[in-house]
Amino acid sequence: MDEKWKRRWRIAGKWAENVLFVASIGFFLFVIWHLFLFASFNIPSESMLPTLQPGDKILVDKVTTGARLFDIFEAASGKDVKIRRMPRFRKFKRGDILVFNFPFREGWRKIDMDYRVYYAKRCVGAPGDTLEIKDFDYYINGIPSEGGGDRRLARAVYAPDSVSRDSLPGFRAFRKDSVTHWTIRDLGPLYIPRKGEEISLTPANYLPYRKVVEWETKNKLKDNDGVLTLGGKPVSSYRFKENYYFMAGDNSGDSQDSRYWGFVPEPFIVGRALLVWWSERDEVVNKERVMKWLN
């Protein structure tokens, strides 16, 4: 091989090294951006109408609320992973639109984070709040709240004088876990667990908390003829180890949310939705929604 071709190969090799270097830096920055700063999620359903629409792509902030760290390979294999959160500048607040992993991986019998499935809902109840729903109106600590969005459609679909609470599909809250026969229209009062808080447990109130207690302790909480037992031992109170949130869709008549399956553990929350950075449906761009800030 003559010197001319050797020189060309050396130049090509240098170009290849530079391209690989730039690609490596780009990949590294992409990973840092996605894991620790911001992430993008697609909105597939109408559960958050009119705030979020199918086809929206939302930007989720991980910086201020703290990015999560966990072993994705253990999560993929179905193991119960340890989730750590980096230092944060603000807590998750009532009214935030939050993106979180769906709390149930196989059925709704027990809490088990599904690392593949993400929901976007509004936080209508924060740790330590007492939530009540009356005729689709939300109340926090006895004060009317903006949760639930426009209730007119929900009231039309679930009119109290035209449905049977026990027979209409999708009307019963907590999948019949509540001995109080709550519905998605009328629910509570319900205390939302806060880390370190202790509550009394009785056969009349324990069912909405059963899944979170069993998730935290890895023991069964049962009612044995009027006596509650946790892991086979009598129990009359419980102190929570994590914060929990009550999530609901702004389209309250068509949203699968905490009214059905209960609380969302704080470790399952990815971050807070900031804006709709793109919106496209059926290959048509909705320019009015592009770079639309959320509230």
Protein backbone atom coordinates (compact mmCIF):
# COMPACT_ATOMS: atom_id res chain seq x y z
CA MET A 1 0.00 0.00 0.00
CA ASP A 2 1.50 3.34 -1.06
CA GLU A 3 1.80 6.40 1.17
CA LYS A 4 -1.22 8.06 -0.45
CA TRP A 5 -3.59 5.30 0.69
CA LYS A 6 -1.95 5.03 4.11
CA ARG A 7 -2.58 8.75 4.61
CA ARG A 8 -6.20 8.34 3.56
CA TRP A 9 -6.68 5.47 5.98
CA ARG A 10 -5.13 7.48 8.80
CA ILE A 11 -7.49 10.41 8.05
CA ALA A 12 -10.47 8.04 7.89
CA GLY A 13 -9.41 6.50 11.20
CA LYS A 14 -9.20 9.92 12.84
CA TRP A 15 -12.66 10.81 11.51
CA ALA A 16 -14.05 7.52 12.86
CA GLU A 17 -12.50 8.22 16.28
CA ASN A 18 -13.99 11.71 16.34
CA VAL A 19 -17.45 10.45 15.30
CA LEU A 20 -17.37 7.73 17.97
CA PHE A 21 -16.23 10.26 20.57
CA VAL A 22 -19.03 12.71 19.71
CA ALA A 23 -21.58 9.87 19.62
CA SER A 24 -20.40 8.65 23.03
CA ILE A 25 -20.68 12.15 24.50
CA GLY A 26 -24.13 12.52 22.94
CA PHE A 27 -25.30 9.19 24.36
CA PHE A 28 -23.89 10.07 27.79
CA LEU A 29 -25.67 13.44 27.78
CA PHE A 30 -28.91 11.76 26.64
CA VAL A 31 -28.72 9.28 29.53
CA ILE A 32 -27.98 12.04 32.05
CA TRP A 33 -30.84 14.15 30.65
CA HIS A 34 -33.33 11.28 30.73
CA LEU A 35 -32.36 9.76 34.07
CA PHE A 36 -31.68 12.83 36.15
CA LEU A 37 -33.18 15.92 34.52
CA PHE A 38 -36.24 15.51 32.30
CA ALA A 39 -38.22 12.77 30.58
CA SER A 40 -40.88 12.72 27.88
CA PHE A 41 -44.12 10.72 28.00
CA ASN A 42 -46.98 10.23 25.55
CA ILE A 43 -50.62 10.70 26.54
CA PRO A 44 -52.77 7.88 25.06
CA SER A 45 -56.14 8.38 26.79
CA GLU A 46 -58.80 10.99 27.56
CA SER A 47 -58.67 10.57 31.35
CA MET A 48 -57.02 13.98 31.84
CA LEU A 49 -59.21 15.99 29.46
CA PRO A 50 -59.23 18.90 28.90
CA THR A 51 -55.80 19.46 30.50
CA LEU A 52 -54.09 16.66 28.57
CA GLN A 53 -55.28 15.24 25.27
CA PRO A 54 -54.46 12.02 23.39
CA GLY A 55 -51.40 12.68 21.26
CA ASP A 56 -49.81 15.12 23.71
CA LYS A 57 -46.15 14.62 24.58
CA ILE A 58 -45.35 15.99 28.01
CA LEU A 59 -42.05 17.01 29.57
CA VAL A 60 -41.62 15.72 33.12
CA ASP A 61 -39.36 17.48 35.62
CA LYS A 62 -37.05 15.26 37.67
CA VAL A 63 -34.68 18.00 38.78
CA THR A 64 -36.70 19.87 41.39
CA THR A 65 -38.51 16.82 42.78
CA GLY A 66 -35.51 14.47 42.73
CA ALA A 67 -34.68 11.74 40.22
CA ARG A 68 -35.14 8.10 41.19
CA LEU A 69 -32.45 5.43 41.20
CA PHE A 70 -33.25 1.71 41.08
CA ASP A 71 -32.05 -1.48 39.43
CA ILE A 72 -34.01 -1.68 36.16
CA PHE A 73 -32.92 -5.29 35.61
CA GLU A 74 -34.31 -6.42 38.96
CA ALA A 75 -37.52 -4.53 38.22
CA ALA A 76 -37.75 -6.27 34.84
CA SER A 77 -37.37 -9.66 36.50
CA GLY A 78 -40.27 -8.91 38.85
CA LYS A 79 -38.23 -8.40 42.01
CA ASP A 80 -39.18 -5.92 44.72
CA VAL A 81 -36.64 -3.18 44.02
CA LYS A 82 -35.18 -0.62 46.40
CA ILE A 83 -35.91 2.88 45.06
CA ARG A 84 -33.76 5.82 46.14
CA ARG A 85 -34.48 9.45 45.36
CA MET A 86 -31.85 12.11 44.84
CA PRO A 87 -31.96 15.39 46.80
CA ARG A 88 -34.87 17.59 45.74
CA PHE A 89 -35.84 21.25 45.90
CA ARG A 90 -39.60 20.82 46.30
CA LYS A 91 -42.07 18.20 47.43
CA PHE A 92 -44.90 16.81 45.36
CA LYS A 93 -47.90 19.01 46.02
CA ARG A 94 -51.64 18.80 45.81
CA GLY A 95 -52.65 20.04 42.36
CA ASP A 96 -49.49 18.80 40.60
CA ILE A 97 -49.87 16.66 37.50
CA LEU A 98 -47.63 13.70 38.32
CA VAL A 99 -46.31 10.84 36.24
CA PHE A 100 -45.91 7.57 38.12
CA ASN A 101 -45.45 3.86 37.60
CA PHE A 102 -48.73 1.99 37.82
CA PRO A 103 -48.79 0.42 41.31
CA PHE A 104 -49.96 -3.01 40.16
CA ARG A 105 -48.01 -5.31 37.88
CA GLU A 106 -50.24 -8.39 37.96
CA GLY A 107 -53.86 -7.71 38.85
CA TRP A 108 -54.99 -5.39 41.64
CA ARG A 109 -54.56 -7.77 44.56
CA LYS A 110 -51.27 -6.36 45.81
CA ILE A 111 -49.03 -3.35 45.23
CA ASP A 112 -46.18 -4.19 42.89
CA MET A 113 -44.60 -1.46 40.74
CA ASP A 114 -44.97 -2.00 37.00
CA TYR A 115 -41.80 -0.44 35.58
CA ARG A 116 -43.23 -0.60 32.04
CA VAL A 117 -46.51 1.26 32.61
CA TYR A 118 -46.79 4.97 33.40
CA TYR A 119 -49.85 7.03 34.31
CA ALA A 120 -50.31 10.79 34.33
CA LYS A 121 -52.86 12.04 36.86
CA ARG A 122 -53.46 15.04 39.08
CA CYS A 123 -52.58 14.80 42.74
CA VAL A 124 -55.88 15.59 44.51
CA GLY A 125 -54.77 14.41 47.93
CA ALA A 126 -51.31 14.69 49.53
CA PRO A 127 -49.88 12.84 52.56
CA GLY A 128 -51.72 13.85 55.73
CA ASP A 129 -54.83 15.10 53.90
CA THR A 130 -58.33 13.83 54.59
CA LEU A 131 -60.17 13.44 51.29
CA GLU A 132 -63.91 13.31 50.70
CA ILE A 133 -65.87 13.15 47.43
CA LYS A 134 -69.51 14.26 47.37
CA ASP A 135 -71.39 14.07 44.08
CA PHE A 136 -68.01 14.16 42.26
CA ASP A 137 -66.97 17.31 44.17
CA TYR A 138 -63.65 16.93 45.99
CA TYR A 139 -63.07 18.18 49.54
CA ILE A 140 -59.71 18.29 51.31
CA ASN A 141 -59.83 18.59 55.09
CA GLY A 142 -63.41 19.80 54.70
CA ILE A 143 -62.56 22.54 52.18
CA PRO A 144 -63.75 22.37 48.52
CA SER A 145 -60.97 21.44 46.11
CA GLU A 146 -60.51 21.83 42.36
CA GLY A 147 -59.84 18.12 41.90
CA GLY A 148 -61.90 16.19 39.38
CA GLY A 149 -62.12 18.83 36.66
CA ASP A 150 -65.47 19.34 34.92
CA ARG A 151 -67.98 17.15 36.79
CA ARG A 152 -70.95 17.64 34.44
CA LEU A 153 -70.22 14.68 32.18
CA ALA A 154 -69.48 12.43 35.15
CA ARG A 155 -72.77 13.36 36.79
CA ALA A 156 -74.62 12.70 33.55
CA VAL A 157 -73.08 9.25 33.16
CA TYR A 158 -73.48 8.29 36.81
CA ALA A 159 -76.74 10.01 37.70
CA PRO A 160 -77.83 8.85 41.18
CA ASP A 161 -81.47 8.41 40.15
CA SER A 162 -80.72 6.17 37.17
CA VAL A 163 -78.11 3.67 38.35
CA SER A 164 -77.70 0.90 40.85
CA ARG A 165 -74.60 1.41 42.95
CA ASP A 166 -74.00 -2.31 43.17
CA SER A 167 -74.63 -3.27 39.56
CA LEU A 168 -73.25 -0.50 37.34
CA PRO A 169 -69.75 -1.48 36.10
CA GLY A 170 -67.03 0.94 37.11
CA PHE A 171 -69.07 2.69 39.79
CA ARG A 172 -67.85 1.00 42.95
CA ALA A 173 -64.71 2.50 44.51
CA PHE A 174 -61.74 0.48 45.79
CA ARG A 175 -63.06 -2.60 43.97
CA LYS A 176 -65.35 -3.43 46.92
CA ASP A 177 -62.46 -3.17 49.38
CA SER A 178 -64.42 -0.66 51.45
CA VAL A 179 -67.02 -1.90 53.89
CA THR A 180 -68.60 1.56 53.64
CA HIS A 181 -69.74 0.87 50.04
CA TRP A 182 -68.02 3.93 48.62
CA THR A 183 -68.43 4.81 44.96
CA ILE A 184 -66.41 6.98 42.58
CA ARG A 185 -69.14 9.60 43.05
CA ASP A 186 -69.27 9.58 46.87
CA LEU A 187 -66.21 8.52 48.84
CA GLY A 188 -64.67 9.13 52.23
CA PRO A 189 -63.75 10.73 54.49
CA LEU A 190 -60.45 8.98 53.81
CA TYR A 191 -57.13 9.79 55.48
CA ILE A 192 -54.16 9.72 53.08
CA PRO A 193 -51.15 8.10 54.80
CA ARG A 194 -48.14 10.24 55.70
CA LYS A 195 -44.73 8.80 56.54
CA GLY A 196 -44.34 8.40 60.30
CA GLU A 197 -48.05 8.88 61.06
CA GLU A 198 -49.86 6.21 63.06
CA ILE A 199 -53.55 5.46 62.63
CA SER A 200 -55.96 3.12 64.41
CA LEU A 201 -57.02 0.09 62.40
CA THR A 202 -60.43 -1.52 62.88
CA PRO A 203 -62.51 -4.00 60.88
CA ALA A 204 -64.58 -0.98 59.75
CA ASN A 205 -61.71 1.10 58.29
CA TYR A 206 -58.75 -1.16 57.45
CA LEU A 207 -59.61 -2.25 53.91
CA PRO A 208 -58.52 0.94 52.04
CA TYR A 209 -55.13 0.62 53.79
CA ARG A 210 -54.70 -3.13 53.46
CA LYS A 211 -52.63 -3.10 50.27
CA VAL A 212 -50.16 -0.43 51.43
CA VAL A 213 -49.70 -2.10 54.83
CA GLU A 214 -49.07 -5.45 53.17
CA TRP A 215 -46.67 -3.83 50.68
CA GLU A 216 -44.66 -2.19 53.46
CA THR A 217 -44.56 -5.19 55.80
CA LYS A 218 -44.73 -8.11 53.32
CA ASN A 219 -47.33 -9.63 55.67
CA LYS A 220 -51.07 -10.25 55.28
CA LEU A 221 -53.53 -7.94 57.03
CA LYS A 222 -56.73 -9.87 57.78
CA ASP A 223 -59.99 -9.61 59.66
CA ASN A 224 -60.43 -12.79 61.69
CA ASP A 225 -63.95 -12.64 63.13
CA GLY A 226 -63.62 -9.01 64.19
CA VAL A 227 -59.95 -9.21 65.23
CA LEU A 228 -57.37 -7.68 62.86
CA THR A 229 -54.12 -9.58 62.45
CA LEU A 230 -50.92 -8.61 60.63
CA GLY A 231 -48.73 -11.58 59.83
CA GLY A 232 -50.90 -13.64 62.16
CA LYS A 233 -50.45 -11.27 65.14
CA PRO A 234 -53.22 -9.03 66.53
CA VAL A 235 -52.89 -5.39 65.45
CA SER A 236 -54.89 -2.29 66.37
CA SER A 237 -52.80 0.47 64.77
CA TYR A 238 -50.15 1.00 62.14
CA ARG A 239 -47.36 3.56 61.54
CA PHE A 240 -46.67 4.18 57.84
CA LYS A 241 -43.16 3.96 56.41
CA GLU A 242 -43.83 5.93 53.21
CA ASN A 243 -45.81 8.90 51.92
CA TYR A 244 -48.82 8.19 49.74
CA TYR A 245 -50.84 10.19 47.23
CA PHE A 246 -54.39 10.10 45.89
CA MET A 247 -54.37 10.56 42.12
CA ALA A 248 -57.38 11.37 39.93
CA GLY A 249 -58.04 12.27 36.32
CA ASP A 250 -59.41 15.70 35.43
CA ASN A 251 -62.01 13.84 33.36
CA SER A 252 -63.51 12.30 36.50
CA GLY A 253 -66.26 10.40 34.68
CA ASP A 254 -63.77 8.49 32.52
CA SER A 255 -60.61 7.97 34.54
CA GLN A 256 -59.15 4.85 36.11
CA ASP A 257 -57.46 6.30 39.16
CA SER A 258 -57.03 6.10 42.94
CA ARG A 259 -60.79 5.88 43.44
CA TYR A 260 -60.56 2.37 42.04
CA TRP A 261 -57.17 1.03 43.11
CA GLY A 262 -56.07 3.19 46.03
CA PHE A 263 -52.96 5.11 47.01
CA VAL A 264 -49.76 5.68 45.03
CA PRO A 265 -46.52 5.24 47.03
CA GLU A 266 -44.13 8.17 46.71
CA PRO A 267 -41.24 5.97 45.43
CA PHE A 268 -43.37 5.13 42.38
CA ILE A 269 -43.60 8.78 41.27
CA VAL A 270 -41.33 9.79 38.38
CA GLY A 271 -41.83 13.55 38.52
CA ARG A 272 -44.06 16.54 37.80
CA ALA A 273 -45.39 17.31 34.33
CA LEU A 274 -44.30 20.79 33.23
CA LEU A 275 -45.53 21.33 29.70
CA VAL A 276 -46.90 19.81 26.52
CA TRP A 277 -43.87 20.10 24.23
CA TRP A 278 -45.57 18.50 21.22
CA SER A 279 -49.07 17.39 20.24
CA GLU A 280 -49.90 15.26 17.24
CA ARG A 281 -52.83 12.98 16.50
CA ASP A 282 -53.54 11.08 13.30
CA GLU A 283 -50.46 12.79 11.79
CA VAL A 284 -52.00 16.23 12.40
CA VAL A 285 -50.03 18.63 14.62
CA ASN A 286 -52.07 20.66 17.10
CA LYS A 287 -50.01 23.86 17.01
CA GLU A 288 -52.08 25.49 19.74
CA ARG A 289 -50.87 22.89 22.24
CA VAL A 290 -47.18 22.87 21.31
CA MET A 291 -45.05 24.28 24.19
CA LYS A 292 -48.16 24.70 26.35
CA TRP A 293 -47.36 25.07 30.05
CA LEU A 294 -49.40 22.95 32.45
CA ASN A 295 -51.07 23.99 35.68
